[in-house]
PDB file of all heavy atoms in Angstrom:
ATOM      1  N   SER A   1       6.626  96.388 -49.725  1.00  0.00           N
ATOM      2  CA  SER A   1       5.482  96.784 -50.530  1.00  0.00           C
ATOM      3  C   SER A   1       5.229  95.745 -51.614  1.00  0.00           C
ATOM      4  O   SER A   1       6.146  95.038 -52.042  1.00  0.00           O
ATOM      5  CB  SER A   1       5.709  98.160 -51.168  1.00  0.00           C
ATOM      6  OG  SER A   1       6.838  98.139 -52.031  1.00  0.00           O
ATOM      7  N   GLY A   2       3.977  95.639 -52.041  1.00  0.00           N
ATOM      8  CA  GLY A   2       3.633  94.712 -53.108  1.00  0.00           C
ATOM      9  C   GLY A   2       3.370  93.281 -52.679  1.00  0.00           C
ATOM     10  O   GLY A   2       3.091  92.433 -53.535  1.00  0.00           O
ATOM     11  N   ALA A   3       3.443  93.006 -51.404  1.00  0.00           N
ATOM     12  CA  ALA A   3       3.258  91.640 -50.913  1.00  0.00           C
ATOM     13  C   ALA A   3       1.844  91.371 -50.428  1.00  0.00           C
ATOM     14  O   ALA A   3       1.371  90.233 -50.474  1.00  0.00           O
ATOM     15  CB  ALA A   3       4.248  91.342 -49.792  1.00  0.00           C
ATOM     16  N   GLY A   4       1.175  92.399 -49.954  1.00  0.00           N
ATOM     17  CA  GLY A   4      -0.176  92.223 -49.445  1.00  0.00           C
ATOM     18  C   GLY A   4      -0.226  91.229 -48.305  1.00  0.00           C
ATOM     19  O   GLY A   4       0.656  91.196 -47.454  1.00  0.00           O
ATOM     20  N   ARG A   5      -1.248  90.383 -48.331  1.00  0.00           N
ATOM     21  CA  ARG A   5      -1.421  89.391 -47.273  1.00  0.00           C
ATOM     22  C   ARG A   5      -0.358  88.302 -47.286  1.00  0.00           C
ATOM     23  O   ARG A   5      -0.204  87.592 -46.290  1.00  0.00           O
ATOM     24  CB  ARG A   5      -2.809  88.759 -47.381  1.00  0.00           C
ATOM     25  CG  ARG A   5      -3.963  89.751 -47.274  1.00  0.00           C
ATOM     26  CD  ARG A   5      -4.102  90.304 -45.850  1.00  0.00           C
ATOM     27  NE  ARG A   5      -3.057  91.258 -45.502  1.00  0.00           N
ATOM     28  CZ  ARG A   5      -3.050  92.542 -45.885  1.00  0.00           C
ATOM     29  NH1 ARG A   5      -4.029  93.024 -46.634  1.00  0.00           N
ATOM     30  NH2 ARG A   5      -2.064  93.347 -45.512  1.00  0.00           N
ATOM     31  N   ALA A   6       0.364  88.187 -48.387  1.00  0.00           N
ATOM     32  CA  ALA A   6       1.407  87.167 -48.489  1.00  0.00           C
ATOM     33  C   ALA A   6       2.586  87.462 -47.575  1.00  0.00           C
ATOM     34  O   ALA A   6       3.397  86.584 -47.297  1.00  0.00           O
ATOM     35  CB  ALA A   6       1.884  87.034 -49.935  1.00  0.00           C
ATOM     36  N   PHE A   7       2.700  88.701 -47.112  1.00  0.00           N
ATOM     37  CA  PHE A   7       3.802  89.084 -46.243  1.00  0.00           C
ATOM     38  C   PHE A   7       3.927  88.158 -45.038  1.00  0.00           C
ATOM     39  O   PHE A   7       5.034  87.812 -44.627  1.00  0.00           O
ATOM     40  CB  PHE A   7       3.618  90.527 -45.764  1.00  0.00           C
ATOM     41  CG  PHE A   7       4.678  90.983 -44.805  1.00  0.00           C
ATOM     42  CD1 PHE A   7       5.887  91.472 -45.273  1.00  0.00           C
ATOM     43  CD2 PHE A   7       4.467  90.924 -43.430  1.00  0.00           C
ATOM     44  CE1 PHE A   7       6.874  91.895 -44.396  1.00  0.00           C
ATOM     45  CE2 PHE A   7       5.440  91.340 -42.545  1.00  0.00           C
ATOM     46  CZ  PHE A   7       6.651  91.832 -43.029  1.00  0.00           C
ATOM     47  N   SER A   8       2.793  87.765 -44.476  1.00  0.00           N
ATOM     48  CA  SER A   8       2.806  86.924 -43.287  1.00  0.00           C
ATOM     49  C   SER A   8       3.351  85.524 -43.546  1.00  0.00           C
ATOM     50  O   SER A   8       3.647  84.793 -42.599  1.00  0.00           O
ATOM     51  CB  SER A   8       1.400  86.818 -42.681  1.00  0.00           C
ATOM     52  OG  SER A   8       0.504  86.179 -43.570  1.00  0.00           O
ATOM     53  N   THR A   9       3.504  85.143 -44.813  1.00  0.00           N
ATOM     54  CA  THR A   9       4.047  83.833 -45.161  1.00  0.00           C
ATOM     55  C   THR A   9       5.545  83.893 -45.444  1.00  0.00           C
ATOM     56  O   THR A   9       6.166  82.863 -45.678  1.00  0.00           O
ATOM     57  CB  THR A   9       3.342  83.229 -46.388  1.00  0.00           C
ATOM     58  OG1 THR A   9       3.712  83.945 -47.574  1.00  0.00           O
ATOM     59  CG2 THR A   9       1.828  83.287 -46.225  1.00  0.00           C
ATOM     60  N   TYR A  10       6.125  85.075 -45.428  1.00  0.00           N
ATOM     61  CA  TYR A  10       7.556  85.241 -45.698  1.00  0.00           C
ATOM     62  C   TYR A  10       8.387  85.062 -44.442  1.00  0.00           C
ATOM     63  O   TYR A  10       7.983  85.451 -43.346  1.00  0.00           O
ATOM     64  CB  TYR A  10       7.853  86.646 -46.216  1.00  0.00           C
ATOM     65  CG  TYR A  10       7.258  87.022 -47.546  1.00  0.00           C
ATOM     66  CD1 TYR A  10       7.397  88.330 -48.009  1.00  0.00           C
ATOM     67  CD2 TYR A  10       6.574  86.117 -48.334  1.00  0.00           C
ATOM     68  CE1 TYR A  10       6.866  88.713 -49.227  1.00  0.00           C
ATOM     69  CE2 TYR A  10       6.031  86.491 -49.556  1.00  0.00           C
ATOM     70  CZ  TYR A  10       6.186  87.792 -49.990  1.00  0.00           C
ATOM     71  OH  TYR A  10       5.656  88.185 -51.200  1.00  0.00           O
ATOM     72  N   ALA A  11       9.570  84.506 -44.629  1.00  0.00           N
ATOM     73  CA  ALA A  11      10.583  84.571 -43.593  1.00  0.00           C
ATOM     74  C   ALA A  11      11.376  85.834 -43.928  1.00  0.00           C
ATOM     75  O   ALA A  11      11.474  86.214 -45.099  1.00  0.00           O
ATOM     76  CB  ALA A  11      11.501  83.351 -43.621  1.00  0.00           C
ATOM     77  N   LEU A  12      11.923  86.476 -42.924  1.00  0.00           N
ATOM     78  CA  LEU A  12      12.615  87.742 -43.125  1.00  0.00           C
ATOM     79  C   LEU A  12      13.980  87.730 -42.453  1.00  0.00           C
ATOM     80  O   LEU A  12      14.185  87.024 -41.465  1.00  0.00           O
ATOM     81  CB  LEU A  12      11.787  88.890 -42.551  1.00  0.00           C
ATOM     82  CG  LEU A  12      10.342  89.005 -43.033  1.00  0.00           C
ATOM     83  CD1 LEU A  12       9.564  89.948 -42.122  1.00  0.00           C
ATOM     84  CD2 LEU A  12      10.309  89.505 -44.473  1.00  0.00           C
ATOM     85  N   GLY A  13      14.889  88.530 -42.977  1.00  0.00           N
ATOM     86  CA  GLY A  13      16.209  88.566 -42.379  1.00  0.00           C
ATOM     87  C   GLY A  13      16.918  89.892 -42.553  1.00  0.00           C
ATOM     88  O   GLY A  13      16.570  90.695 -43.422  1.00  0.00           O
ATOM     89  N   TRP A  14      17.909  90.105 -41.697  1.00  0.00           N
ATOM     90  CA  TRP A  14      18.787  91.262 -41.782  1.00  0.00           C
ATOM     91  C   TRP A  14      20.208  90.774 -42.043  1.00  0.00           C
ATOM     92  O   TRP A  14      20.679  89.829 -41.400  1.00  0.00           O
ATOM     93  CB  TRP A  14      18.785  92.061 -40.479  1.00  0.00           C
ATOM     94  CG  TRP A  14      17.551  92.869 -40.244  1.00  0.00           C
ATOM     95  CD1 TRP A  14      16.498  92.550 -39.450  1.00  0.00           C
ATOM     96  CD2 TRP A  14      17.258  94.158 -40.792  1.00  0.00           C
ATOM     97  NE1 TRP A  14      15.561  93.544 -39.470  1.00  0.00           N
ATOM     98  CE2 TRP A  14      16.005  94.553 -40.287  1.00  0.00           C
ATOM     99  CE3 TRP A  14      17.935  95.022 -41.662  1.00  0.00           C
ATOM    100  CZ2 TRP A  14      15.408  95.771 -40.623  1.00  0.00           C
ATOM    101  CZ3 TRP A  14      17.339  96.228 -42.002  1.00  0.00           C
ATOM    102  CH2 TRP A  14      16.098  96.587 -41.483  1.00  0.00           C
ATOM    103  N   PHE A  15      20.871  91.414 -42.977  1.00  0.00           N
ATOM    104  CA  PHE A  15      22.266  91.135 -43.296  1.00  0.00           C
ATOM    105  C   PHE A  15      23.031  92.440 -43.276  1.00  0.00           C
ATOM    106  O   PHE A  15      22.440  93.519 -43.376  1.00  0.00           O
ATOM    107  CB  PHE A  15      22.398  90.495 -44.682  1.00  0.00           C
ATOM    108  CG  PHE A  15      21.869  89.090 -44.775  1.00  0.00           C
ATOM    109  CD1 PHE A  15      20.506  88.848 -44.857  1.00  0.00           C
ATOM    110  CD2 PHE A  15      22.740  88.008 -44.790  1.00  0.00           C
ATOM    111  CE1 PHE A  15      20.017  87.555 -44.944  1.00  0.00           C
ATOM    112  CE2 PHE A  15      22.259  86.709 -44.884  1.00  0.00           C
ATOM    113  CZ  PHE A  15      20.895  86.483 -44.955  1.00  0.00           C
ATOM    114  N   ARG A  16      24.346  92.356 -43.177  1.00  0.00           N
ATOM    115  CA  ARG A  16      25.161  93.560 -43.251  1.00  0.00           C
ATOM    116  C   ARG A  16      26.447  93.266 -44.002  1.00  0.00           C
ATOM    117  O   ARG A  16      26.931  92.142 -44.027  1.00  0.00           O
ATOM    118  CB  ARG A  16      25.481  94.104 -41.857  1.00  0.00           C
ATOM    119  CG  ARG A  16      26.366  93.206 -41.012  1.00  0.00           C
ATOM    120  CD  ARG A  16      26.447  93.733 -39.595  1.00  0.00           C
ATOM    121  NE  ARG A  16      27.199  92.834 -38.728  1.00  0.00           N
ATOM    122  CZ  ARG A  16      27.137  92.846 -37.404  1.00  0.00           C
ATOM    123  NH1 ARG A  16      26.365  93.732 -36.787  1.00  0.00           N
ATOM    124  NH2 ARG A  16      27.859  91.983 -36.696  1.00  0.00           N
ATOM    125  N   GLN A  17      26.985  94.297 -44.610  1.00  0.00           N
ATOM    126  CA  GLN A  17      28.225  94.157 -45.345  1.00  0.00           C
ATOM    127  C   GLN A  17      29.118  95.358 -45.070  1.00  0.00           C
ATOM    128  O   GLN A  17      28.756  96.495 -45.367  1.00  0.00           O
ATOM    129  CB  GLN A  17      27.962  94.029 -46.848  1.00  0.00           C
ATOM    130  CG  GLN A  17      29.210  93.726 -47.657  1.00  0.00           C
ATOM    131  CD  GLN A  17      28.888  93.285 -49.071  1.00  0.00           C
ATOM    132  OE1 GLN A  17      27.837  93.619 -49.609  1.00  0.00           O
ATOM    133  NE2 GLN A  17      29.788  92.532 -49.671  1.00  0.00           N
ATOM    134  N   ALA A  18      30.265  95.079 -44.500  1.00  0.00           N
ATOM    135  CA  ALA A  18      31.245  96.115 -44.205  1.00  0.00           C
ATOM    136  C   ALA A  18      32.238  96.194 -45.356  1.00  0.00           C
ATOM    137  O   ALA A  18      32.400  95.234 -46.116  1.00  0.00           O
ATOM    138  CB  ALA A  18      31.966  95.798 -42.906  1.00  0.00           C
ATOM    139  N   PRO A  19      32.931  97.315 -45.497  1.00  0.00           N
ATOM    140  CA  PRO A  19      33.921  97.465 -46.573  1.00  0.00           C
ATOM    141  C   PRO A  19      34.967  96.357 -46.527  1.00  0.00           C
ATOM    142  O   PRO A  19      35.542  96.082 -45.480  1.00  0.00           O
ATOM    143  CB  PRO A  19      34.542  98.823 -46.277  1.00  0.00           C
ATOM    144  CG  PRO A  19      33.452  99.581 -45.597  1.00  0.00           C
ATOM    145  CD  PRO A  19      32.800  98.553 -44.714  1.00  0.00           C
ATOM    146  N   GLY A  20      35.181  95.704 -47.659  1.00  0.00           N
ATOM    147  CA  GLY A  20      36.172  94.653 -47.735  1.00  0.00           C
ATOM    148  C   GLY A  20      35.748  93.323 -47.149  1.00  0.00           C
ATOM    149  O   GLY A  20      36.537  92.376 -47.136  1.00  0.00           O
ATOM    150  N   LYS A  21      34.530  93.235 -46.678  1.00  0.00           N
ATOM    151  CA  LYS A  21      34.028  92.009 -46.065  1.00  0.00           C
ATOM    152  C   LYS A  21      32.853  91.438 -46.850  1.00  0.00           C
ATOM    153  O   LYS A  21      32.217  92.135 -47.637  1.00  0.00           O
ATOM    154  CB  LYS A  21      33.585  92.269 -44.626  1.00  0.00           C
ATOM    155  CG  LYS A  21      34.672  92.799 -43.708  1.00  0.00           C
ATOM    156  CD  LYS A  21      35.765  91.772 -43.500  1.00  0.00           C
ATOM    157  CE  LYS A  21      36.790  92.269 -42.499  1.00  0.00           C
ATOM    158  NZ  LYS A  21      36.193  92.437 -41.130  1.00  0.00           N
ATOM    159  N   GLU A  22      32.573  90.162 -46.620  1.00  0.00           N
ATOM    160  CA  GLU A  22      31.431  89.525 -47.249  1.00  0.00           C
ATOM    161  C   GLU A  22      30.161  89.876 -46.492  1.00  0.00           C
ATOM    162  O   GLU A  22      30.196  90.224 -45.315  1.00  0.00           O
ATOM    163  CB  GLU A  22      31.615  88.005 -47.272  1.00  0.00           C
ATOM    164  CG  GLU A  22      32.755  87.527 -48.137  1.00  0.00           C
ATOM    165  CD  GLU A  22      32.826  86.017 -48.248  1.00  0.00           C
ATOM    166  OE1 GLU A  22      32.117  85.331 -47.486  1.00  0.00           O
ATOM    167  OE2 GLU A  22      33.582  85.530 -49.091  1.00  0.00           O
ATOM    168  N   ARG A  23      29.051  89.778 -47.185  1.00  0.00           N
ATOM    169  CA  ARG A  23      27.771  90.034 -46.542  1.00  0.00           C
ATOM    170  C   ARG A  23      27.507  88.925 -45.524  1.00  0.00           C
ATOM    171  O   ARG A  23      27.686  87.747 -45.820  1.00  0.00           O
ATOM    172  CB  ARG A  23      26.664  90.073 -47.588  1.00  0.00           C
ATOM    173  CG  ARG A  23      25.322  90.551 -47.055  1.00  0.00           C
ATOM    174  CD  ARG A  23      24.326  90.747 -48.197  1.00  0.00           C
ATOM    175  NE  ARG A  23      24.803  91.731 -49.164  1.00  0.00           N
ATOM    176  CZ  ARG A  23      24.102  92.120 -50.222  1.00  0.00           C
ATOM    177  NH1 ARG A  23      22.890  91.618 -50.447  1.00  0.00           N
ATOM    178  NH2 ARG A  23      24.615  93.011 -51.054  1.00  0.00           N
ATOM    179  N   GLU A  24      27.086  89.301 -44.332  1.00  0.00           N
ATOM    180  CA  GLU A  24      26.867  88.327 -43.282  1.00  0.00           C
ATOM    181  C   GLU A  24      25.486  88.436 -42.651  1.00  0.00           C
ATOM    182  O   GLU A  24      24.887  89.512 -42.590  1.00  0.00           O
ATOM    183  CB  GLU A  24      27.930  88.467 -42.186  1.00  0.00           C
ATOM    184  CG  GLU A  24      27.870  89.780 -41.428  1.00  0.00           C
ATOM    185  CD  GLU A  24      28.872  89.857 -40.291  1.00  0.00           C
ATOM    186  OE1 GLU A  24      29.508  88.831 -39.973  1.00  0.00           O
ATOM    187  OE2 GLU A  24      29.026  90.953 -39.716  1.00  0.00           O
ATOM    188  N   PHE A  25      25.016  87.314 -42.177  1.00  0.00           N
ATOM    189  CA  PHE A  25      23.728  87.225 -41.517  1.00  0.00           C
ATOM    190  C   PHE A  25      23.793  87.897 -40.155  1.00  0.00           C
ATOM    191  O   PHE A  25      24.739  87.695 -39.400  1.00  0.00           O
ATOM    192  CB  PHE A  25      23.343  85.751 -41.361  1.00  0.00           C
ATOM    193  CG  PHE A  25      22.109  85.504 -40.546  1.00  0.00           C
ATOM    194  CD1 PHE A  25      20.852  85.615 -41.121  1.00  0.00           C
ATOM    195  CD2 PHE A  25      22.203  85.141 -39.216  1.00  0.00           C
ATOM    196  CE1 PHE A  25      19.704  85.369 -40.381  1.00  0.00           C
ATOM    197  CE2 PHE A  25      21.072  84.888 -38.462  1.00  0.00           C
ATOM    198  CZ  PHE A  25      19.818  85.007 -39.050  1.00  0.00           C
ATOM    199  N   VAL A  26      22.773  88.675 -39.842  1.00  0.00           N
ATOM    200  CA  VAL A  26      22.702  89.348 -38.552  1.00  0.00           C
ATOM    201  C   VAL A  26      21.571  88.780 -37.699  1.00  0.00           C
ATOM    202  O   VAL A  26      21.769  88.425 -36.534  1.00  0.00           O
ATOM    203  CB  VAL A  26      22.489  90.868 -38.711  1.00  0.00           C
ATOM    204  CG1 VAL A  26      22.350  91.539 -37.350  1.00  0.00           C
ATOM    205  CG2 VAL A  26      23.642  91.475 -39.494  1.00  0.00           C
ATOM    206  N   ALA A  27      20.386  88.700 -38.271  1.00  0.00           N
ATOM    207  CA  ALA A  27      19.221  88.183 -37.552  1.00  0.00           C
ATOM    208  C   ALA A  27      18.136  87.802 -38.539  1.00  0.00           C
ATOM    209  O   ALA A  27      18.064  88.346 -39.636  1.00  0.00           O
ATOM    210  CB  ALA A  27      18.682  89.225 -36.568  1.00  0.00           C
ATOM    211  N   GLY A  28      17.290  86.862 -38.144  1.00  0.00           N
ATOM    212  CA  GLY A  28      16.211  86.445 -39.018  1.00  0.00           C
ATOM    213  C   GLY A  28      15.006  85.973 -38.234  1.00  0.00           C
ATOM    214  O   GLY A  28      15.118  85.617 -37.064  1.00  0.00           O
ATOM    215  N   VAL A  29      13.855  85.977 -38.884  1.00  0.00           N
ATOM    216  CA  VAL A  29      12.619  85.529 -38.259  1.00  0.00           C
ATOM    217  C   VAL A  29      11.853  84.651 -39.229  1.00  0.00           C
ATOM    218  O   VAL A  29      11.812  84.916 -40.436  1.00  0.00           O
ATOM    219  CB  VAL A  29      11.756  86.729 -37.795  1.00  0.00           C
ATOM    220  CG1 VAL A  29      11.394  87.636 -38.971  1.00  0.00           C
ATOM    221  CG2 VAL A  29      10.491  86.245 -37.094  1.00  0.00           C
ATOM    222  N   ALA A  30      11.263  83.582 -38.709  1.00  0.00           N
ATOM    223  CA  ALA A  30      10.460  82.671 -39.504  1.00  0.00           C
ATOM    224  C   ALA A  30       9.053  83.223 -39.683  1.00  0.00           C
ATOM    225  O   ALA A  30       8.748  84.323 -39.235  1.00  0.00           O
ATOM    226  CB  ALA A  30      10.408  81.306 -38.825  1.00  0.00           C
ATOM    227  N   LYS A  31       8.186  82.433 -40.325  1.00  0.00           N
ATOM    228  CA  LYS A  31       6.785  82.832 -40.424  1.00  0.00           C
ATOM    229  C   LYS A  31       6.225  83.060 -39.025  1.00  0.00           C
ATOM    230  O   LYS A  31       5.515  84.043 -38.782  1.00  0.00           O
ATOM    231  CB  LYS A  31       5.972  81.741 -41.121  1.00  0.00           C
ATOM    232  CG  LYS A  31       6.261  81.565 -42.594  1.00  0.00           C
ATOM    233  CD  LYS A  31       5.379  80.459 -43.152  1.00  0.00           C
ATOM    234  CE  LYS A  31       5.645  80.207 -44.623  1.00  0.00           C
ATOM    235  NZ  LYS A  31       4.785  79.109 -45.139  1.00  0.00           N
ATOM    236  N   ALA A  32       6.527  82.140 -38.122  1.00  0.00           N
ATOM    237  CA  ALA A  32       6.126  82.293 -36.733  1.00  0.00           C
ATOM    238  C   ALA A  32       6.945  83.428 -36.137  1.00  0.00           C
ATOM    239  O   ALA A  32       8.175  83.352 -36.096  1.00  0.00           O
ATOM    240  CB  ALA A  32       6.362  81.002 -35.956  1.00  0.00           C
ATOM    241  N   PRO A  33       6.305  84.484 -35.700  1.00  0.00           N
ATOM    242  CA  PRO A  33       7.038  85.663 -35.225  1.00  0.00           C
ATOM    243  C   PRO A  33       7.898  85.462 -33.991  1.00  0.00           C
ATOM    244  O   PRO A  33       8.741  86.312 -33.696  1.00  0.00           O
ATOM    245  CB  PRO A  33       5.919  86.683 -34.967  1.00  0.00           C
ATOM    246  CG  PRO A  33       4.715  85.834 -34.703  1.00  0.00           C
ATOM    247  CD  PRO A  33       4.851  84.670 -35.645  1.00  0.00           C
ATOM    248  N   ASP A  34       7.708  84.362 -33.282  1.00  0.00           N
ATOM    249  CA  ASP A  34       8.531  84.099 -32.107  1.00  0.00           C
ATOM    250  C   ASP A  34       9.716  83.201 -32.424  1.00  0.00           C
ATOM    251  O   ASP A  34      10.505  82.884 -31.537  1.00  0.00           O
ATOM    252  CB  ASP A  34       7.692  83.478 -30.975  1.00  0.00           C
ATOM    253  CG  ASP A  34       7.174  82.093 -31.325  1.00  0.00           C
ATOM    254  OD1 ASP A  34       7.042  81.788 -32.527  1.00  0.00           O
ATOM    255  OD2 ASP A  34       6.896  81.319 -30.387  1.00  0.00           O
ATOM    256  N   SER A  35       9.855  82.789 -33.674  1.00  0.00           N
ATOM    257  CA  SER A  35      10.980  81.965 -34.100  1.00  0.00           C
ATOM    258  C   SER A  35      12.039  82.889 -34.691  1.00  0.00           C
ATOM    259  O   SER A  35      11.990  83.239 -35.869  1.00  0.00           O
ATOM    260  CB  SER A  35      10.526  80.928 -35.126  1.00  0.00           C
ATOM    261  OG  SER A  35      11.592  80.061 -35.474  1.00  0.00           O
ATOM    262  N   ILE A  36      12.994  83.276 -33.854  1.00  0.00           N
ATOM    263  CA  ILE A  36      13.995  84.270 -34.219  1.00  0.00           C
ATOM    264  C   ILE A  36      15.395  83.743 -33.950  1.00  0.00           C
ATOM    265  O   ILE A  36      15.624  83.037 -32.965  1.00  0.00           O
ATOM    266  CB  ILE A  36      13.775  85.581 -33.429  1.00  0.00           C
ATOM    267  CG1 ILE A  36      12.382  86.141 -33.730  1.00  0.00           C
ATOM    268  CG2 ILE A  36      14.849  86.608 -33.771  1.00  0.00           C
ATOM    269  CD1 ILE A  36      11.990  87.303 -32.845  1.00  0.00           C
ATOM    270  N   ARG A  37      16.323  84.089 -34.821  1.00  0.00           N
ATOM    271  CA  ARG A  37      17.700  83.668 -34.663  1.00  0.00           C
ATOM    272  C   ARG A  37      18.626  84.857 -34.864  1.00  0.00           C
ATOM    273  O   ARG A  37      18.390  85.697 -35.722  1.00  0.00           O
ATOM    274  CB  ARG A  37      18.035  82.569 -35.668  1.00  0.00           C
ATOM    275  CG  ARG A  37      19.439  81.995 -35.536  1.00  0.00           C
ATOM    276  CD  ARG A  37      19.605  80.810 -36.455  1.00  0.00           C
ATOM    277  NE  ARG A  37      20.913  80.189 -36.330  1.00  0.00           N
ATOM    278  CZ  ARG A  37      21.277  79.074 -36.938  1.00  0.00           C
ATOM    279  NH1 ARG A  37      20.412  78.439 -37.722  1.00  0.00           N
ATOM    280  NH2 ARG A  37      22.498  78.584 -36.764  1.00  0.00           N
ATOM    281  N   TYR A  38      19.686  84.911 -34.070  1.00  0.00           N
ATOM    282  CA  TYR A  38      20.651  85.989 -34.155  1.00  0.00           C
ATOM    283  C   TYR A  38      22.058  85.461 -34.383  1.00  0.00           C
ATOM    284  O   TYR A  38      22.398  84.364 -33.944  1.00  0.00           O
ATOM    285  CB  TYR A  38      20.677  86.805 -32.863  1.00  0.00           C
ATOM    286  CG  TYR A  38      19.371  87.456 -32.497  1.00  0.00           C
ATOM    287  CD1 TYR A  38      18.482  86.837 -31.631  1.00  0.00           C
ATOM    288  CD2 TYR A  38      19.036  88.705 -33.011  1.00  0.00           C
ATOM    289  CE1 TYR A  38      17.288  87.435 -31.290  1.00  0.00           C
ATOM    290  CE2 TYR A  38      17.844  89.308 -32.678  1.00  0.00           C
ATOM    291  CZ  TYR A  38      16.971  88.675 -31.814  1.00  0.00           C
ATOM    292  OH  TYR A  38      15.779  89.280 -31.479  1.00  0.00           O
ATOM    293  N   ALA A  39      22.869  86.252 -35.034  1.00  0.00           N
ATOM    294  CA  ALA A  39      24.281  85.933 -35.142  1.00  0.00           C
ATOM    295  C   ALA A  39      24.846  86.016 -33.730  1.00  0.00           C
ATOM    296  O   ALA A  39      24.322  86.744 -32.883  1.00  0.00           O
ATOM    297  CB  ALA A  39      24.984  86.935 -36.050  1.00  0.00           C
ATOM    298  N   ASP A  40      25.921  85.278 -33.473  1.00  0.00           N
ATOM    299  CA  ASP A  40      26.505  85.276 -32.132  1.00  0.00           C
ATOM    300  C   ASP A  40      26.828  86.685 -31.628  1.00  0.00           C
ATOM    301  O   ASP A  40      26.599  87.006 -30.463  1.00  0.00           O
ATOM    302  CB  ASP A  40      27.777  84.425 -32.109  1.00  0.00           C
ATOM    303  CG  ASP A  40      27.491  82.943 -32.233  1.00  0.00           C
ATOM    304  OD1 ASP A  40      26.334  82.531 -32.041  1.00  0.00           O
ATOM    305  OD2 ASP A  40      28.444  82.186 -32.515  1.00  0.00           O
ATOM    306  N   SER A  41      27.350  87.509 -32.497  1.00  0.00           N
ATOM    307  CA  SER A  41      27.741  88.855 -32.099  1.00  0.00           C
ATOM    308  C   SER A  41      26.551  89.745 -31.754  1.00  0.00           C
ATOM    309  O   SER A  41      26.705  90.735 -31.038  1.00  0.00           O
ATOM    310  CB  SER A  41      28.559  89.517 -33.203  1.00  0.00           C
ATOM    311  OG  SER A  41      27.794  89.688 -34.385  1.00  0.00           O
ATOM    312  N   ALA A  42      25.373  89.383 -32.254  1.00  0.00           N
ATOM    313  CA  ALA A  42      24.184  90.195 -32.028  1.00  0.00           C
ATOM    314  C   ALA A  42      23.366  89.742 -30.825  1.00  0.00           C
ATOM    315  O   ALA A  42      22.589  90.530 -30.263  1.00  0.00           O
ATOM    316  CB  ALA A  42      23.296  90.177 -33.269  1.00  0.00           C
TER     317      ALA A  42
END
């Protein structure tokens, strides 16, 4: 919320943090919606 049309210019990502562990990258997407990257486990 609060981004309006600027949302389409953002890159976005998902992270997760388990108890006792550091926050880790899970998946992300660039401005281009077909440019996607996943962690090996995902």
